[in-house]
Amino acid sequence: MRLLLIISGMILIAGVLPGAERDMARELDEVARAATVIVDGDACQRIVTPRALDYMFKKDPRDQWVDGDNYEVNDQAFIAVKKTLIRLSRLAPFPCDVNLWMPIAGHPDKVRVVIRNAHEISQFWPWGKLYQDMIPQMKQVLDTGRRMTVTAKPGWISVLAPVHNSLGDIVALVEAVSQARRDAHENVK
């Protein structure tokens, strides 16, 4: 059954994307598949501190940046997961990032990017945001545990894949992402 799903996914990709982008999608899918097995979901759950989670939705009329200024991580978990994501990105034969996204407890329609990587690319992250509305494809991956290729933004290819903790629960997802035609100034503000 699993092989059938993978083959079906490849046929879907083949039917929608031009040749070079289809090859990139296949490579990114392999990176995302490896990430599902390798990324430590328990470590991911320890990255953002409880204090940072508490400040995430605070609003203060005297300090409009109170949420972002109080973002902190547990260094050991953050560094371990970030190194793993960087290593995974090197599996692709082209510039690629593997970013970590996590749902926010108590806010089922929100997601936060916890780790962005070397090339600073993401199809979904609006610059400067700590959290945002969860896109439907992210929700689907979190609900079903199946990888999904997303090409909503022209020239961008992302494969979303689930991250499990030691209990088998899906606690996060990764975005293996690249651009068919890389713009070095895209993310420079």
C-alpha atoms as a PDB file:
ATOM      1  CA  MET A   1       0.000   0.000   0.000  1.00  0.00           C
ATOM      2  CA  ARG A   2       2.805   2.394   0.933  1.00  0.00           C
ATOM      3  CA  LEU A   3       4.592   1.751  -2.367  1.00  0.00           C
ATOM      4  CA  LEU A   4       1.338   2.426  -4.198  1.00  0.00           C
ATOM      5  CA  LEU A   5       0.979   5.775  -2.398  1.00  0.00           C
ATOM      6  CA  ILE A   6       4.553   6.732  -3.255  1.00  0.00           C
ATOM      7  CA  ILE A   7       4.068   5.750  -6.896  1.00  0.00           C
ATOM      8  CA  SER A   8       0.743   7.612  -6.986  1.00  0.00           C
ATOM      9  CA  GLY A   9       2.481  10.678  -5.575  1.00  0.00           C
ATOM     10  CA  MET A  10       5.157  10.479  -8.250  1.00  0.00           C
ATOM     11  CA  ILE A  11       2.515  10.238 -10.975  1.00  0.00           C
ATOM     12  CA  LEU A  12       0.764  13.278  -9.509  1.00  0.00           C
ATOM     13  CA  ILE A  13       4.045  15.191  -9.453  1.00  0.00           C
ATOM     14  CA  ALA A  14       4.881  14.052 -12.993  1.00  0.00           C
ATOM     15  CA  GLY A  15       1.533  15.263 -14.270  1.00  0.00           C
ATOM     16  CA  VAL A  16       1.797  18.788 -12.858  1.00  0.00           C
ATOM     17  CA  LEU A  17       5.427  19.924 -13.010  1.00  0.00           C
ATOM     18  CA  PRO A  18       7.801  20.459 -15.940  1.00  0.00           C
ATOM     19  CA  GLY A  19      10.781  18.056 -16.198  1.00  0.00           C
ATOM     20  CA  ALA A  20      13.432  19.916 -14.172  1.00  0.00           C
ATOM     21  CA  GLU A  21      10.941  20.835 -11.447  1.00  0.00           C
ATOM     22  CA  ARG A  22       9.669  17.256 -11.389  1.00  0.00           C
ATOM     23  CA  ASP A  23      13.251  16.046 -10.761  1.00  0.00           C
ATOM     24  CA  MET A  24      13.664  18.623  -7.993  1.00  0.00           C
ATOM     25  CA  ALA A  25      10.386  17.500  -6.447  1.00  0.00           C
ATOM     26  CA  ARG A  26      11.615  13.881  -6.433  1.00  0.00           C
ATOM     27  CA  GLU A  27      14.910  14.873  -4.802  1.00  0.00           C
ATOM     28  CA  LEU A  28      13.109  17.009  -2.199  1.00  0.00           C
ATOM     29  CA  ASP A  29      10.702  14.153  -1.501  1.00  0.00           C
ATOM     30  CA  GLU A  30      13.674  11.884  -0.733  1.00  0.00           C
ATOM     31  CA  VAL A  31      15.120  14.519   1.633  1.00  0.00           C
ATOM     32  CA  ALA A  32      11.737  14.866   3.359  1.00  0.00           C
ATOM     33  CA  ARG A  33      11.355  11.087   3.612  1.00  0.00           C
ATOM     34  CA  ALA A  34      14.745  10.860   5.330  1.00  0.00           C
ATOM     35  CA  ALA A  35      13.803  13.740   7.641  1.00  0.00           C
ATOM     36  CA  THR A  36      10.724  11.886   8.874  1.00  0.00           C
ATOM     37  CA  VAL A  37      12.965   9.054  10.033  1.00  0.00           C
ATOM     38  CA  ILE A  38      15.917  11.088  11.333  1.00  0.00           C
ATOM     39  CA  VAL A  39      14.551  14.270  12.974  1.00  0.00           C
ATOM     40  CA  ASP A  40      14.061  13.785  16.728  1.00  0.00           C
ATOM     41  CA  GLY A  41      10.544  14.932  17.600  1.00  0.00           C
ATOM     42  CA  ASP A  42      11.293  14.834  21.344  1.00  0.00           C
ATOM     43  CA  ALA A  43      14.156  17.292  20.827  1.00  0.00           C
ATOM     44  CA  CYS A  44      11.877  19.466  18.655  1.00  0.00           C
ATOM     45  CA  GLN A  45       9.376  19.674  21.508  1.00  0.00           C
ATOM     46  CA  ARG A  46      12.127  20.987  23.815  1.00  0.00           C
ATOM     47  CA  ILE A  47      13.369  23.771  21.509  1.00  0.00           C
ATOM     48  CA  VAL A  48      11.053  26.698  22.306  1.00  0.00           C
ATOM     49  CA  THR A  49      11.003  27.586  25.996  1.00  0.00           C
ATOM     50  CA  PRO A  50       7.741  27.831  27.969  1.00  0.00           C
ATOM     51  CA  ARG A  51       8.433  31.540  28.548  1.00  0.00           C
ATOM     52  CA  ALA A  52       8.743  32.189  24.804  1.00  0.00           C
ATOM     53  CA  LEU A  53       5.493  30.296  24.199  1.00  0.00           C
ATOM     54  CA  ASP A  54       3.821  32.445  26.850  1.00  0.00           C
ATOM     55  CA  TYR A  55       5.009  35.676  25.198  1.00  0.00           C
ATOM     56  CA  MET A  56       4.124  34.536  21.669  1.00  0.00           C
ATOM     57  CA  PHE A  57       0.566  35.901  21.774  1.00  0.00           C
ATOM     58  CA  LYS A  58       1.087  38.784  24.233  1.00  0.00           C
ATOM     59  CA  LYS A  59       0.311  42.272  23.068  1.00  0.00           C
ATOM     60  CA  ASP A  60       1.570  45.346  24.926  1.00  0.00           C
ATOM     61  CA  PRO A  61       0.677  48.841  23.695  1.00  0.00           C
ATOM     62  CA  ARG A  62       3.971  50.097  25.158  1.00  0.00           C
ATOM     63  CA  ASP A  63       6.058  47.434  23.398  1.00  0.00           C
ATOM     64  CA  GLN A  64       4.825  46.349  19.970  1.00  0.00           C
ATOM     65  CA  TRP A  65       7.639  43.782  19.660  1.00  0.00           C
ATOM     66  CA  VAL A  66       7.078  42.057  23.013  1.00  0.00           C
ATOM     67  CA  ASP A  67       6.379  38.703  21.324  1.00  0.00           C
ATOM     68  CA  GLY A  68       9.439  38.657  19.051  1.00  0.00           C
ATOM     69  CA  ASP A  69      11.832  40.220  21.564  1.00  0.00           C
ATOM     70  CA  ASN A  70      11.081  37.437  24.027  1.00  0.00           C
ATOM     71  CA  TYR A  71      11.652  34.486  21.734  1.00  0.00           C
ATOM     72  CA  GLU A  72      14.149  32.083  23.244  1.00  0.00           C
ATOM     73  CA  VAL A  73      15.189  28.493  22.736  1.00  0.00           C
ATOM     74  CA  ASN A  74      16.847  25.715  24.681  1.00  0.00           C
ATOM     75  CA  ASP A  75      20.264  25.846  23.042  1.00  0.00           C
ATOM     76  CA  GLN A  76      21.113  22.148  23.204  1.00  0.00           C
ATOM     77  CA  ALA A  77      17.907  20.953  21.519  1.00  0.00           C
ATOM     78  CA  PHE A  78      17.935  23.828  18.993  1.00  0.00           C
ATOM     79  CA  ILE A  79      21.528  23.204  17.890  1.00  0.00           C
ATOM     80  CA  ALA A  80      21.092  19.424  17.658  1.00  0.00           C
ATOM     81  CA  VAL A  81      17.982  19.698  15.476  1.00  0.00           C
ATOM     82  CA  LYS A  82      19.411  22.527  13.362  1.00  0.00           C
ATOM     83  CA  LYS A  83      22.537  20.481  12.596  1.00  0.00           C
ATOM     84  CA  THR A  84      20.364  17.539  11.571  1.00  0.00           C
ATOM     85  CA  LEU A  85      18.294  19.771   9.262  1.00  0.00           C
ATOM     86  CA  ILE A  86      21.433  21.229   7.669  1.00  0.00           C
ATOM     87  CA  ARG A  87      22.817  17.736   7.047  1.00  0.00           C
ATOM     88  CA  LEU A  88      19.528  16.675   5.493  1.00  0.00           C
ATOM     89  CA  SER A  89      19.568  19.705   3.166  1.00  0.00           C
ATOM     90  CA  ARG A  90      22.931  18.537   1.840  1.00  0.00           C
ATOM     91  CA  LEU A  91      21.330  15.377   0.473  1.00  0.00           C
ATOM     92  CA  ALA A  92      19.870  17.441  -2.381  1.00  0.00           C
ATOM     93  CA  PRO A  93      22.175  18.107  -5.360  1.00  0.00           C
ATOM     94  CA  PHE A  94      20.984  21.746  -5.469  1.00  0.00           C
ATOM     95  CA  PRO A  95      20.509  24.550  -2.886  1.00  0.00           C
ATOM     96  CA  CYS A  96      17.794  23.404  -0.506  1.00  0.00           C
ATOM     97  CA  ASP A  97      16.633  24.218   3.008  1.00  0.00           C
ATOM     98  CA  VAL A  98      14.954  21.917   5.488  1.00  0.00           C
ATOM     99  CA  ASN A  99      12.895  24.059   7.864  1.00  0.00           C
ATOM    100  CA  LEU A 100      11.117  22.966  11.043  1.00  0.00           C
ATOM    101  CA  TRP A 101       7.482  23.976  11.599  1.00  0.00           C
ATOM    102  CA  MET A 102       5.475  23.215  14.736  1.00  0.00           C
ATOM    103  CA  PRO A 103       1.802  23.562  15.600  1.00  0.00           C
ATOM    104  CA  ILE A 104       1.051  25.741  18.615  1.00  0.00           C
ATOM    105  CA  ALA A 105      -0.719  24.092  21.548  1.00  0.00           C
ATOM    106  CA  GLY A 106      -4.045  25.765  22.267  1.00  0.00           C
ATOM    107  CA  HIS A 107      -4.092  27.394  18.812  1.00  0.00           C
ATOM    108  CA  PRO A 108      -5.010  24.609  16.358  1.00  0.00           C
ATOM    109  CA  ASP A 109      -5.139  26.973  13.382  1.00  0.00           C
ATOM    110  CA  LYS A 110      -1.641  28.430  13.989  1.00  0.00           C
ATOM    111  CA  VAL A 111       1.858  27.200  13.203  1.00  0.00           C
ATOM    112  CA  ARG A 112       5.307  28.585  13.966  1.00  0.00           C
ATOM    113  CA  VAL A 113       8.566  28.247  12.099  1.00  0.00           C
ATOM    114  CA  VAL A 114      11.027  27.071  14.734  1.00  0.00           C
ATOM    115  CA  ILE A 115      14.140  26.634  12.579  1.00  0.00           C
ATOM    116  CA  ARG A 116      14.940  28.148   9.208  1.00  0.00           C
ATOM    117  CA  ASN A 117      18.152  27.256   7.530  1.00  0.00           C
ATOM    118  CA  ALA A 118      21.195  28.216   5.483  1.00  0.00           C
ATOM    119  CA  HIS A 119      19.606  29.660   2.334  1.00  0.00           C
ATOM    120  CA  GLU A 120      16.778  31.414   4.221  1.00  0.00           C
ATOM    121  CA  ILE A 121      14.147  30.049   1.863  1.00  0.00           C
ATOM    122  CA  SER A 122      10.613  28.951   2.583  1.00  0.00           C
ATOM    123  CA  GLN A 123       7.539  28.920   0.408  1.00  0.00           C
ATOM    124  CA  PHE A 124       5.320  29.716   3.388  1.00  0.00           C
ATOM    125  CA  TRP A 125       7.139  31.969   5.871  1.00  0.00           C
ATOM    126  CA  PRO A 126       6.243  35.680   5.801  1.00  0.00           C
ATOM    127  CA  TRP A 127       9.366  37.586   6.782  1.00  0.00           C
ATOM    128  CA  GLY A 128       9.528  38.504  10.469  1.00  0.00           C
ATOM    129  CA  LYS A 129       6.574  36.411  11.675  1.00  0.00           C
ATOM    130  CA  LEU A 130       6.936  34.098  14.688  1.00  0.00           C
ATOM    131  CA  TYR A 131       3.625  32.417  14.005  1.00  0.00           C
ATOM    132  CA  GLN A 132       1.028  32.431  11.275  1.00  0.00           C
ATOM    133  CA  ASP A 133      -2.133  30.734  10.080  1.00  0.00           C
ATOM    134  CA  MET A 134      -1.566  27.080   9.275  1.00  0.00           C
ATOM    135  CA  ILE A 135      -1.869  26.390   5.564  1.00  0.00           C
ATOM    136  CA  PRO A 136      -4.219  23.512   4.661  1.00  0.00           C
ATOM    137  CA  GLN A 137      -1.393  21.323   3.350  1.00  0.00           C
ATOM    138  CA  MET A 138       0.449  21.575   6.687  1.00  0.00           C
ATOM    139  CA  LYS A 139      -2.707  20.571   8.529  1.00  0.00           C
ATOM    140  CA  GLN A 140      -3.172  17.626   6.186  1.00  0.00           C
ATOM    141  CA  VAL A 141       0.391  16.388   6.814  1.00  0.00           C
ATOM    142  CA  LEU A 142      -0.053  16.779  10.585  1.00  0.00           C
ATOM    143  CA  ASP A 143      -3.400  14.936  10.462  1.00  0.00           C
ATOM    144  CA  THR A 144      -2.477  12.113   8.067  1.00  0.00           C
ATOM    145  CA  GLY A 145       1.271  11.665   8.516  1.00  0.00           C
ATOM    146  CA  ARG A 146       1.787  11.593   4.735  1.00  0.00           C
ATOM    147  CA  ARG A 147       4.313  13.700   2.829  1.00  0.00           C
ATOM    148  CA  MET A 148       2.933  16.279   0.455  1.00  0.00           C
ATOM    149  CA  THR A 149       4.482  18.260  -2.410  1.00  0.00           C
ATOM    150  CA  VAL A 150       3.367  21.900  -2.615  1.00  0.00           C
ATOM    151  CA  THR A 151       3.993  24.216  -5.577  1.00  0.00           C
ATOM    152  CA  ALA A 152       1.580  27.018  -4.706  1.00  0.00           C
ATOM    153  CA  LYS A 153       4.114  29.799  -5.296  1.00  0.00           C
ATOM    154  CA  PRO A 154       5.412  29.851  -8.906  1.00  0.00           C
ATOM    155  CA  GLY A 155       8.960  28.519  -9.123  1.00  0.00           C
ATOM    156  CA  TRP A 156       8.936  27.117  -5.573  1.00  0.00           C
ATOM    157  CA  ILE A 157       8.831  23.455  -4.602  1.00  0.00           C
ATOM    158  CA  SER A 158       8.277  22.327  -1.013  1.00  0.00           C
ATOM    159  CA  VAL A 159       7.778  18.844   0.339  1.00  0.00           C
ATOM    160  CA  LEU A 160       6.146  18.752   3.751  1.00  0.00           C
ATOM    161  CA  ALA A 161       6.789  15.700   5.928  1.00  0.00           C
ATOM    162  CA  PRO A 162       5.774  14.709   9.473  1.00  0.00           C
ATOM    163  CA  VAL A 163       8.094  14.552  12.488  1.00  0.00           C
ATOM    164  CA  HIS A 164       7.290  12.022  15.226  1.00  0.00           C
ATOM    165  CA  ASN A 165       8.243  11.902  18.887  1.00  0.00           C
ATOM    166  CA  SER A 166       9.222   8.705  20.716  1.00  0.00           C
ATOM    167  CA  LEU A 167       5.546   7.919  21.415  1.00  0.00           C
ATOM    168  CA  GLY A 168       4.800   7.994  17.685  1.00  0.00           C
ATOM    169  CA  ASP A 169       2.810  11.245  17.860  1.00  0.00           C
ATOM    170  CA  ILE A 170       3.232  13.746  15.028  1.00  0.00           C
ATOM    171  CA  VAL A 171       4.595  16.835  16.796  1.00  0.00           C
ATOM    172  CA  ALA A 172       6.024  18.872  13.912  1.00  0.00           C
ATOM    173  CA  LEU A 173       6.708  18.889  10.215  1.00  0.00           C
ATOM    174  CA  VAL A 174       9.637  19.707   8.019  1.00  0.00           C
ATOM    175  CA  GLU A 175       9.604  21.695   4.804  1.00  0.00           C
ATOM    176  CA  ALA A 176      12.245  20.545   2.313  1.00  0.00           C
ATOM    177  CA  VAL A 177      12.254  23.480  -0.094  1.00  0.00           C
ATOM    178  CA  SER A 178      14.022  24.932  -3.104  1.00  0.00           C
ATOM    179  CA  GLN A 179      13.378  27.262  -5.991  1.00  0.00           C
ATOM    180  CA  ALA A 180      13.464  26.169  -9.615  1.00  0.00           C
ATOM    181  CA  ARG A 181      15.077  29.475 -10.485  1.00  0.00           C
ATOM    182  CA  ARG A 182      16.886  30.829  -7.418  1.00  0.00           C
ATOM    183  CA  ASP A 183      16.721  34.597  -6.807  1.00  0.00           C
ATOM    184  CA  ALA A 184      19.595  35.495  -4.449  1.00  0.00           C
ATOM    185  CA  HIS A 185      17.841  38.727  -3.441  1.00  0.00           C
ATOM    186  CA  GLU A 186      14.357  37.249  -2.843  1.00  0.00           C
ATOM    187  CA  ASN A 187      14.646  37.222   0.947  1.00  0.00           C
ATOM    188  CA  VAL A 188      16.824  40.300   1.411  1.00  0.00           C
ATOM    189  CA  LYS A 189      14.822  43.053   3.031  1.00  0.00           C
END
